[in-house]
C-alpha cells in the first residue's frame, strides 16, 4: 500500500484542475485498489480520497467519471465502508440530486451505490434521513420509479431494490401503506414487469416487507388494493383447473391460457410465497385466502417447482391453507409467544431441514433432472448488486 507521502501525492492528482491524462491514471489506480479487500480496507481510513472520488463524478472526462463511479460501487459493496462514505464523505446529497436529473447518464450507477448503502439498517436510516433533509422524499423516488422512460439514458431498475431496502424502516412502510396515497397500488403492476428481473424483484421485496405490518392485511386483500392476484399470477401456470376451482378464484386467475408462464427467477418466487404466507398471519387473512381458492394455484405450483427452498416454502403455505385454525388466543401467528424450549426445538428442526435441502440441492446439481423447466437453466440476475 501507499506510504503517507505517496498517498498525499496521489490525492493531489485527484483534483478537477489536474491534467486529464494524469487524473485518468490516478482514478484508474484508485479503481484498482477498490477491487481488493486490502485496498478497500486502506481507503476506509482515507475520507479525503472518498471525497475526491465524489468530486470527480462531475469531471469533464467521461472516462474519469466512469472510474469514480465504479470505485464508489466497489466501496459501497463493503459494509465497513458504509459509515465513512455516508458520514465522513457525505456522498448522499450529491448522489440523490444527480439521480433525479432526467438527463444524467450515470443514474444507474447511483442507484447501485444507494442500494448497497441502504442494505443495513444503520445506513438505511441515514439514506432515509437525507431524502427528507434534501427535500426529495419518498414520493419523488416512487414517482421516478413508476415513470417509464424518466431518464432516457438510464433504466433506473435498481430503484426497486432501493425501495425494498428502505422498507426495513417503519417510516417507509407507513408511507407505502398510507391508504390515501395509493402508493402500493402503483407498485403492484411491477410484479409482472418482464423487462427487468431486478425491478420485479425489488417490488416483490417491497411488498413482502410491507406485509409484516399485519394491521394492513385486510385492507391489502380488499377491493381497495386487491393485492392477491398480483402475487399469485406470477406463480400460476397453464394447468387446467376444474370449473369449480376456476370459479372460486379471483377473475384475473381464472381460465389462464395454455402459454401462461410462471416467474422465472426462484428468488422472486420465494419472496412471492413468503408474502402470501405473511398474509395468512391473521384469522381474517387466512379466511380470505381460503375463500379466494388459493390452494389449487399452490397445489399446481408445487408440482411444477424444482428449487428445494421454494418447494419447502410452498409446503408451509399449503399447510396453513388446508390446516385447522389455531386455538383461541393464537389467531395472529405474528404475535404468538413461543416458549424458549419449543423455540430451540424449532431452530434445530429448521437447521436440519436446511441441511437436508442443501444435500438435495447438491445431489440435484450432480445428477441433473429430466424435464427441468427451461427458465431454471437460464442465468438469474442478483436482486442486489
Protein backbone atom coordinates (compact mmCIF):
# COMPACT_ATOMS: atom_id res chain seq x y z
CA UNK A 1 0.00 0.00 0.00
CA UNK A 2 0.96 3.65 -0.34
CA UNK A 3 3.05 5.38 2.28
CA UNK A 4 1.89 8.75 3.57
CA UNK A 5 3.88 10.79 1.04
CA UNK A 6 2.73 8.67 -1.90
CA UNK A 7 -0.88 8.93 -0.70
CA UNK A 8 -0.59 12.71 -0.45
CA UNK A 9 0.91 12.92 -3.95
CA UNK A 10 -1.84 10.72 -5.38
CA UNK A 11 -4.51 12.80 -3.68
CA UNK A 12 -3.05 15.87 -5.40
CA UNK A 13 -3.71 14.24 -8.77
CA UNK A 14 -7.41 13.71 -7.93
CA UNK A 15 -8.49 17.29 -8.47
CA UNK A 16 -10.63 18.88 -11.21
CA UNK A 17 -7.71 21.17 -12.20
CA UNK A 18 -5.25 18.33 -12.84
CA UNK A 19 -4.30 17.41 -16.43
CA UNK A 20 -6.81 14.86 -17.83
CA UNK A 21 -4.17 12.19 -18.57
CA UNK A 22 -2.66 12.36 -15.06
CA UNK A 23 -6.10 12.48 -13.47
CA UNK A 24 -7.18 9.47 -15.51
CA UNK A 25 -4.19 7.41 -14.37
CA UNK A 26 -4.89 8.37 -10.76
CA UNK A 27 -8.58 7.37 -10.87
CA UNK A 28 -7.67 4.13 -12.65
CA UNK A 29 -5.22 3.34 -9.83
CA UNK A 30 -7.86 4.03 -7.17
CA UNK A 31 -10.35 1.86 -9.06
CA UNK A 32 -7.84 -0.98 -8.94
CA UNK A 33 -7.44 -0.52 -5.20
CA UNK A 34 -11.21 -0.79 -4.64
CA UNK A 35 -11.24 -4.16 -6.40
CA UNK A 36 -9.43 -5.79 -3.46
CA UNK A 37 -10.31 -6.19 0.21
CA UNK A 38 -6.96 -4.78 1.27
CA UNK A 39 -7.49 -1.77 -0.96
CA UNK A 40 -10.94 -1.10 0.46
CA UNK A 41 -9.58 -1.51 3.99
CA UNK A 42 -6.85 1.01 3.20
CA UNK A 43 -9.31 3.57 1.80
CA UNK A 44 -11.63 3.13 4.78
CA UNK A 45 -9.35 5.37 6.79
CA UNK A 46 -8.84 7.88 3.95
CA UNK A 47 -12.00 10.01 3.77
CA UNK A 48 -10.18 12.59 1.61
CA UNK A 49 -9.93 10.01 -1.16
CA UNK A 50 -13.66 9.28 -0.88
CA UNK A 51 -14.43 13.00 -1.12
CA UNK A 52 -12.13 13.33 -4.12
CA UNK A 53 -13.87 10.49 -5.94
CA UNK A 54 -17.24 12.08 -5.30
CA UNK A 55 -15.98 15.46 -6.51
CA UNK A 56 -14.67 13.96 -9.76
CA UNK A 57 -18.06 12.46 -10.63
CA UNK A 58 -18.66 15.95 -12.10
CA UNK A 59 -15.46 15.90 -14.16
CA UNK A 60 -15.45 16.81 -17.85
CA UNK A 61 -13.83 13.48 -18.72
CA UNK A 62 -16.33 10.65 -19.14
CA UNK A 63 -13.59 8.09 -18.51
CA UNK A 64 -12.71 9.71 -15.18
CA UNK A 65 -16.38 9.85 -14.13
CA UNK A 66 -16.84 6.17 -15.00
CA UNK A 67 -13.78 5.19 -12.95
CA UNK A 68 -15.01 7.21 -9.98
CA UNK A 69 -18.49 5.68 -10.03
CA UNK A 70 -17.12 2.15 -10.44
CA UNK A 71 -14.81 2.76 -7.48
CA UNK A 72 -17.70 4.06 -5.37
CA UNK A 73 -19.77 0.99 -6.31
CA UNK A 74 -16.95 -1.29 -5.18
CA UNK A 75 -16.53 0.65 -1.95
CA UNK A 76 -20.27 0.64 -1.22
CA UNK A 77 -20.31 -3.16 -1.61
CA UNK A 78 -18.14 -3.34 1.52
CA UNK A 79 -20.30 -2.85 4.62
CA UNK A 80 -17.37 -1.45 6.60
CA UNK A 81 -17.15 1.47 4.14
CA UNK A 82 -20.79 2.49 4.54
CA UNK A 83 -20.36 4.78 7.51
CA UNK A 84 -17.23 6.54 6.16
CA UNK A 85 -19.00 7.13 2.83
CA UNK A 86 -22.20 8.42 4.42
CA UNK A 87 -20.82 10.39 7.37
CA UNK A 88 -17.27 11.42 6.58
CA UNK A 89 -17.50 11.80 2.80
CA UNK A 90 -21.20 12.83 2.85
CA UNK A 91 -21.88 11.21 -0.54
CA UNK A 92 -25.67 11.03 -0.29
CA UNK A 93 -26.86 14.59 -1.10
CA UNK A 94 -24.94 14.79 -4.38
CA UNK A 95 -25.89 11.24 -5.37
CA UNK A 96 -29.59 11.90 -4.84
CA UNK A 97 -29.64 15.16 -6.76
CA UNK A 98 -27.76 13.63 -9.70
CA UNK A 99 -30.13 10.67 -9.62
CA UNK A 100 -33.14 12.93 -10.07
CA UNK A 101 -31.64 14.66 -13.12
CA UNK A 102 -33.60 13.10 -16.03
CA UNK A 103 -30.64 13.57 -18.37
CA UNK A 104 -27.90 12.23 -16.11
CA UNK A 105 -26.11 9.40 -17.87
CA UNK A 106 -24.73 7.75 -14.73
CA UNK A 107 -28.00 7.46 -12.81
CA UNK A 108 -27.95 3.65 -12.90
CA UNK A 109 -24.58 3.60 -11.16
CA UNK A 110 -26.01 5.88 -8.49
CA UNK A 111 -28.95 3.51 -8.00
CA UNK A 112 -26.49 0.67 -7.41
CA UNK A 113 -24.48 2.67 -4.84
CA UNK A 114 -27.64 3.75 -2.98
CA UNK A 115 -28.94 0.18 -2.98
CA UNK A 116 -25.68 -1.05 -1.48
CA UNK A 117 -25.62 1.70 1.14
CA UNK A 118 -29.22 1.01 2.23
CA UNK A 119 -28.82 -2.73 2.79
CA UNK A 120 -28.16 -2.49 6.50
CA UNK A 121 -30.44 -0.69 8.91
CA UNK A 122 -27.96 1.83 10.28
CA UNK A 123 -27.01 3.42 6.97
CA UNK A 124 -30.50 2.77 5.62
CA UNK A 125 -31.73 5.23 8.25
CA UNK A 126 -29.14 7.72 7.02
CA UNK A 127 -30.35 7.32 3.43
CA UNK A 128 -33.93 7.92 4.54
CA UNK A 129 -32.92 10.95 6.62
CA UNK A 130 -31.05 12.58 3.73
CA UNK A 131 -34.05 12.01 1.47
CA UNK A 132 -36.10 14.11 3.85
CA UNK A 133 -33.45 16.73 4.59
CA UNK A 134 -32.76 17.38 0.91
CA UNK A 135 -36.45 17.96 0.25
CA UNK A 136 -36.73 14.94 -2.05
CA UNK A 137 -38.83 12.47 -0.09
CA UNK A 138 -40.12 9.00 -0.83
CA UNK A 139 -42.92 10.37 -3.01
CA UNK A 140 -40.38 11.61 -5.56
CA UNK A 141 -38.49 8.31 -5.58
CA UNK A 142 -41.73 6.40 -6.18
CA UNK A 143 -42.74 8.85 -8.90
CA UNK A 144 -39.43 8.42 -10.71
CA UNK A 145 -39.59 4.64 -10.33
CA UNK A 146 -43.12 4.46 -11.75
CA UNK A 147 -42.45 6.83 -14.66
CA UNK A 148 -41.39 4.75 -17.65
CA UNK A 149 -38.57 6.50 -19.51
CA UNK A 150 -37.99 9.12 -16.82
CA UNK A 151 -34.33 9.06 -17.83
CA UNK A 152 -33.66 8.18 -21.47
CA UNK A 153 -30.03 7.35 -20.63
CA UNK A 154 -30.68 5.08 -17.63
CA UNK A 155 -33.13 2.28 -16.84
CA UNK A 156 -33.30 3.04 -13.07
CA UNK A 157 -34.24 -0.60 -12.40
CA UNK A 158 -32.22 -0.62 -9.18
CA UNK A 159 -34.64 1.85 -7.63
CA UNK A 160 -36.69 -1.31 -6.98
CA UNK A 161 -34.14 -2.88 -4.60
CA UNK A 162 -33.57 0.57 -3.08
CA UNK A 163 -37.27 0.80 -2.19
CA UNK A 164 -37.15 -2.75 -0.87
CA UNK A 165 -34.19 -1.89 1.38
CA UNK A 166 -35.91 1.28 2.62
CA UNK A 167 -38.94 -0.77 3.72
CA UNK A 168 -36.77 -2.12 6.53
CA UNK A 169 -37.85 1.11 8.19
CA UNK A 170 -41.37 1.54 9.62
CA UNK A 171 -41.48 5.11 8.24
CA UNK A 172 -41.16 3.80 4.68
CA UNK A 173 -43.75 1.07 5.21
CA UNK A 174 -46.18 3.61 6.64
CA UNK A 175 -45.70 5.81 3.58
CA UNK A 176 -46.24 2.98 1.12
CA UNK A 177 -49.24 1.65 3.05
CA UNK A 178 -50.87 5.07 3.52
CA UNK A 179 -54.46 4.48 2.44
CA UNK A 180 -54.78 7.97 0.98
CA UNK A 181 -51.64 7.95 -1.19
CA UNK A 182 -52.28 4.92 -3.46
CA UNK A 183 -48.56 4.11 -3.48
CA UNK A 184 -48.89 0.36 -3.11
CA UNK A 185 -51.46 0.30 -5.93
CA UNK A 186 -48.92 1.98 -8.23
CA UNK A 187 -46.27 -0.61 -7.39
CA UNK A 188 -48.38 -3.74 -7.87
CA UNK A 189 -48.19 -3.98 -11.69
CA UNK A 190 -44.40 -4.22 -11.48
CA UNK A 191 -44.68 -7.75 -10.03
CA UNK A 192 -45.06 -8.75 -13.69
CA UNK A 193 -42.59 -6.30 -15.24
CA UNK A 194 -40.99 -8.50 -17.89
CA UNK A 195 -38.15 -6.18 -18.90
CA UNK A 196 -36.19 -6.47 -15.65
CA UNK A 197 -35.73 -9.13 -13.00
CA UNK A 198 -34.12 -6.52 -10.77
CA UNK A 199 -37.10 -4.14 -10.89
CA UNK A 200 -39.58 -7.00 -10.48
CA UNK A 201 -37.72 -8.46 -7.54
CA UNK A 202 -37.35 -5.07 -5.88
CA UNK A 203 -41.09 -4.51 -5.92
CA UNK A 204 -41.87 -8.01 -4.64
CA UNK A 205 -39.36 -7.48 -1.83
CA UNK A 206 -41.03 -4.16 -1.02
CA UNK A 207 -44.46 -5.78 -0.83
CA UNK A 208 -43.15 -8.62 1.33
CA UNK A 209 -41.61 -6.22 3.83
CA UNK A 210 -44.80 -4.17 3.96
CA UNK A 211 -46.82 -7.30 4.72
CA UNK A 212 -45.03 -7.70 8.05
CA UNK A 213 -47.40 -4.93 9.21
CA UNK A 214 -50.39 -7.21 9.68
CA UNK A 215 -52.73 -4.35 10.62
CA UNK A 216 -52.95 -3.56 6.89
CA UNK A 217 -53.64 -7.11 5.70
CA UNK A 218 -57.40 -6.83 5.46
CA UNK A 219 -57.08 -3.57 3.50
CA UNK A 220 -54.44 -5.06 1.17
CA UNK A 221 -56.69 -8.02 0.44
CA UNK A 222 -59.80 -5.86 -0.05
CA UNK A 223 -61.02 -4.45 -3.37
CA UNK A 224 -59.33 -1.15 -2.48
CA UNK A 225 -55.93 -2.74 -3.23
CA UNK A 226 -56.60 -6.33 -4.34
CA UNK A 227 -53.03 -7.46 -3.82
CA UNK A 228 -53.67 -11.20 -4.13
CA UNK A 229 -53.88 -11.55 -7.95
CA UNK A 230 -50.60 -9.62 -8.34
CA UNK A 231 -48.87 -12.09 -6.00
CA UNK A 232 -50.45 -15.25 -7.38
CA UNK A 233 -50.43 -14.60 -11.12
CA UNK A 234 -46.60 -14.93 -11.38
CA UNK A 235 -46.90 -18.29 -9.58
CA UNK A 236 -49.78 -19.59 -11.69
CA UNK A 237 -49.19 -21.81 -14.71
CA UNK A 238 -51.17 -23.11 -17.68
CA UNK A 239 -52.55 -26.18 -15.88
CA UNK A 240 -56.23 -26.78 -16.44
CA UNK A 241 -58.29 -26.49 -13.26
CA UNK A 242 -61.80 -27.76 -12.74
CA UNK A 243 -64.69 -25.42 -13.40
CA UNK A 244 -65.47 -25.28 -9.70
CA UNK A 245 -61.85 -24.38 -8.84
CA UNK A 246 -61.73 -21.69 -11.51
CA UNK A 247 -64.95 -20.07 -10.40
CA UNK A 248 -63.65 -19.74 -6.85
CA UNK A 249 -60.53 -17.86 -7.96
CA UNK A 250 -60.14 -14.10 -8.46
CA UNK A 251 -61.18 -13.20 -12.01
CA UNK A 252 -57.61 -12.47 -13.15
CA UNK A 253 -56.59 -16.04 -12.28
CA UNK A 254 -59.46 -17.85 -13.97
CA UNK A 255 -59.01 -19.91 -17.16
CA UNK A 256 -55.41 -18.94 -17.83
CA UNK A 257 -54.09 -19.54 -21.38
CA UNK A 258 -52.05 -22.58 -22.40
CA UNK A 259 -48.93 -20.46 -22.90
CA UNK A 260 -49.04 -18.94 -19.39
CA UNK A 261 -45.53 -18.91 -17.90
CA UNK A 262 -44.50 -18.66 -14.28
CA UNK A 263 -41.97 -16.28 -12.77
CA UNK A 264 -38.57 -17.45 -13.99
CA UNK A 265 -36.46 -16.32 -11.03
CA UNK A 266 -36.52 -18.67 -7.98
CA UNK A 267 -35.62 -15.86 -5.56
CA UNK A 268 -38.64 -13.88 -6.68
CA UNK A 269 -40.89 -16.96 -6.49
CA UNK A 270 -39.64 -17.48 -2.95
CA UNK A 271 -40.46 -13.88 -1.98
CA UNK A 272 -43.91 -14.10 -3.56
CA UNK A 273 -44.74 -17.20 -1.50
CA UNK A 274 -43.35 -15.60 1.65
CA UNK A 275 -45.57 -12.57 1.03
CA UNK A 276 -48.68 -14.72 0.63
CA UNK A 277 -47.67 -16.65 3.76
CA UNK A 278 -47.42 -13.39 5.71
CA UNK A 279 -50.98 -12.58 4.64
CA UNK A 280 -52.12 -15.75 6.42
CA UNK A 281 -50.87 -14.42 9.78
CA UNK A 282 -54.34 -13.34 10.91
CA UNK A 283 -57.57 -15.31 11.01
CA UNK A 284 -59.21 -12.82 8.64
CA UNK A 285 -56.35 -13.14 6.16
CA UNK A 286 -56.46 -16.93 6.24
CA UNK A 287 -60.20 -16.92 5.65
CA UNK A 288 -59.90 -14.55 2.69
CA UNK A 289 -57.20 -16.69 1.08
CA UNK A 290 -59.29 -19.81 1.55
CA UNK A 291 -62.36 -18.07 0.16
CA UNK A 292 -60.31 -16.91 -2.84
CA UNK A 293 -59.37 -20.54 -3.53
CA UNK A 294 -55.61 -20.04 -3.34
CA UNK A 295 -54.94 -23.72 -2.68
CA UNK A 296 -55.36 -25.05 -6.28
CA UNK A 297 -52.87 -22.48 -7.56
CA UNK A 298 -50.31 -23.56 -4.96
CA UNK A 299 -51.05 -27.23 -5.50
CA UNK A 300 -50.17 -26.99 -9.19
CA UNK A 301 -47.21 -24.74 -8.43
CA UNK A 302 -45.85 -27.35 -6.01
CA UNK A 303 -45.97 -29.99 -8.75
CA UNK A 304 -44.00 -27.72 -11.09
CA UNK A 305 -41.42 -26.20 -8.74
CA UNK A 306 -37.93 -27.78 -8.67
CA UNK A 307 -36.00 -25.49 -6.35
CA UNK A 308 -35.93 -27.26 -2.93
CA UNK A 309 -36.04 -23.99 -0.93
CA UNK A 310 -39.06 -22.71 -2.81
CA UNK A 311 -40.75 -26.11 -2.52
CA UNK A 312 -40.26 -26.01 1.25
CA UNK A 313 -41.85 -22.54 1.49
CA UNK A 314 -44.73 -23.67 -0.71
CA UNK A 315 -45.40 -26.63 1.57
CA UNK A 316 -45.54 -24.35 4.61
CA UNK A 317 -48.11 -22.17 2.86
CA UNK A 318 -50.18 -25.16 1.80
CA UNK A 319 -50.21 -26.47 5.37
CA UNK A 320 -51.70 -23.17 6.53
CA UNK A 321 -54.29 -23.18 3.74
CA UNK A 322 -55.53 -26.71 4.37
CA UNK A 323 -54.84 -26.97 8.11
CA UNK A 324 -57.17 -26.38 11.03
CA UNK A 325 -57.44 -22.95 12.63
CA UNK A 326 -55.14 -22.31 15.63
CA UNK A 327 -56.57 -22.41 19.12
CA UNK A 328 -58.17 -19.26 20.58
CA UNK A 329 -55.54 -16.75 21.62
CA UNK A 330 -53.16 -17.89 18.87
CA UNK A 331 -55.13 -16.46 15.94
CA UNK A 332 -52.39 -13.97 14.99
CA UNK A 333 -49.35 -16.01 14.03
CA UNK A 334 -47.06 -12.96 14.12
CA UNK A 335 -47.92 -12.30 17.78
CA UNK A 336 -47.71 -15.82 19.18
CA UNK A 337 -45.24 -16.11 22.05
CA UNK A 338 -43.29 -19.34 21.65
CA UNK A 339 -41.79 -20.91 24.81
CA UNK A 340 -37.98 -20.95 24.81
CA UNK A 341 -37.70 -24.74 24.79
CA UNK A 342 -40.10 -25.02 21.85
CA UNK A 343 -38.28 -22.22 20.01
CA UNK A 344 -34.99 -24.06 20.46
CA UNK A 345 -36.51 -27.26 19.04
CA UNK A 346 -37.88 -25.31 16.08
CA UNK A 347 -34.45 -23.83 15.42
CA UNK A 348 -32.93 -27.31 15.44
CA UNK A 349 -35.60 -28.61 13.08
CA UNK A 350 -35.05 -25.64 10.75
CA UNK A 351 -31.30 -26.28 10.79
CA UNK A 352 -31.83 -29.96 9.94
CA UNK A 353 -34.29 -29.04 7.21
CA UNK A 354 -31.80 -26.53 5.76
CA UNK A 355 -29.05 -29.18 5.84
CA UNK A 356 -31.30 -31.65 4.06
CA UNK A 357 -32.23 -29.07 1.45
CA UNK A 358 -28.56 -28.35 0.78
CA UNK A 359 -27.86 -32.07 0.34
CA UNK A 360 -30.79 -32.41 -2.05
CA UNK A 361 -29.62 -29.38 -4.00
CA UNK A 362 -26.08 -30.79 -4.31
CA UNK A 363 -27.46 -34.12 -5.47
CA UNK A 364 -29.74 -32.38 -7.92
CA UNK A 365 -26.84 -30.41 -9.41
CA UNK A 366 -24.72 -33.56 -9.72
CA UNK A 367 -27.30 -35.74 -11.41
CA UNK A 368 -29.42 -33.19 -13.27
CA UNK A 369 -33.12 -33.61 -13.73
CA UNK A 370 -35.08 -34.61 -16.81
CA UNK A 371 -37.89 -32.31 -17.74
CA UNK A 372 -36.28 -29.40 -15.94
CA UNK A 373 -38.11 -26.13 -16.59
CA UNK A 374 -36.42 -24.05 -19.27
CA UNK A 375 -36.39 -20.95 -17.09
CA UNK A 376 -34.31 -22.73 -14.44
CA UNK A 377 -31.45 -23.34 -16.83
CA UNK A 378 -31.06 -19.64 -17.57
CA UNK A 379 -28.79 -17.32 -15.63
CA UNK A 380 -30.58 -15.45 -12.86
CA UNK A 381 -29.63 -11.91 -12.04
CA UNK A 382 -28.95 -10.93 -8.48
CA UNK A 383 -31.62 -8.81 -6.85
CA UNK A 384 -28.99 -6.56 -5.36
CA UNK A 385 -25.59 -5.61 -6.63
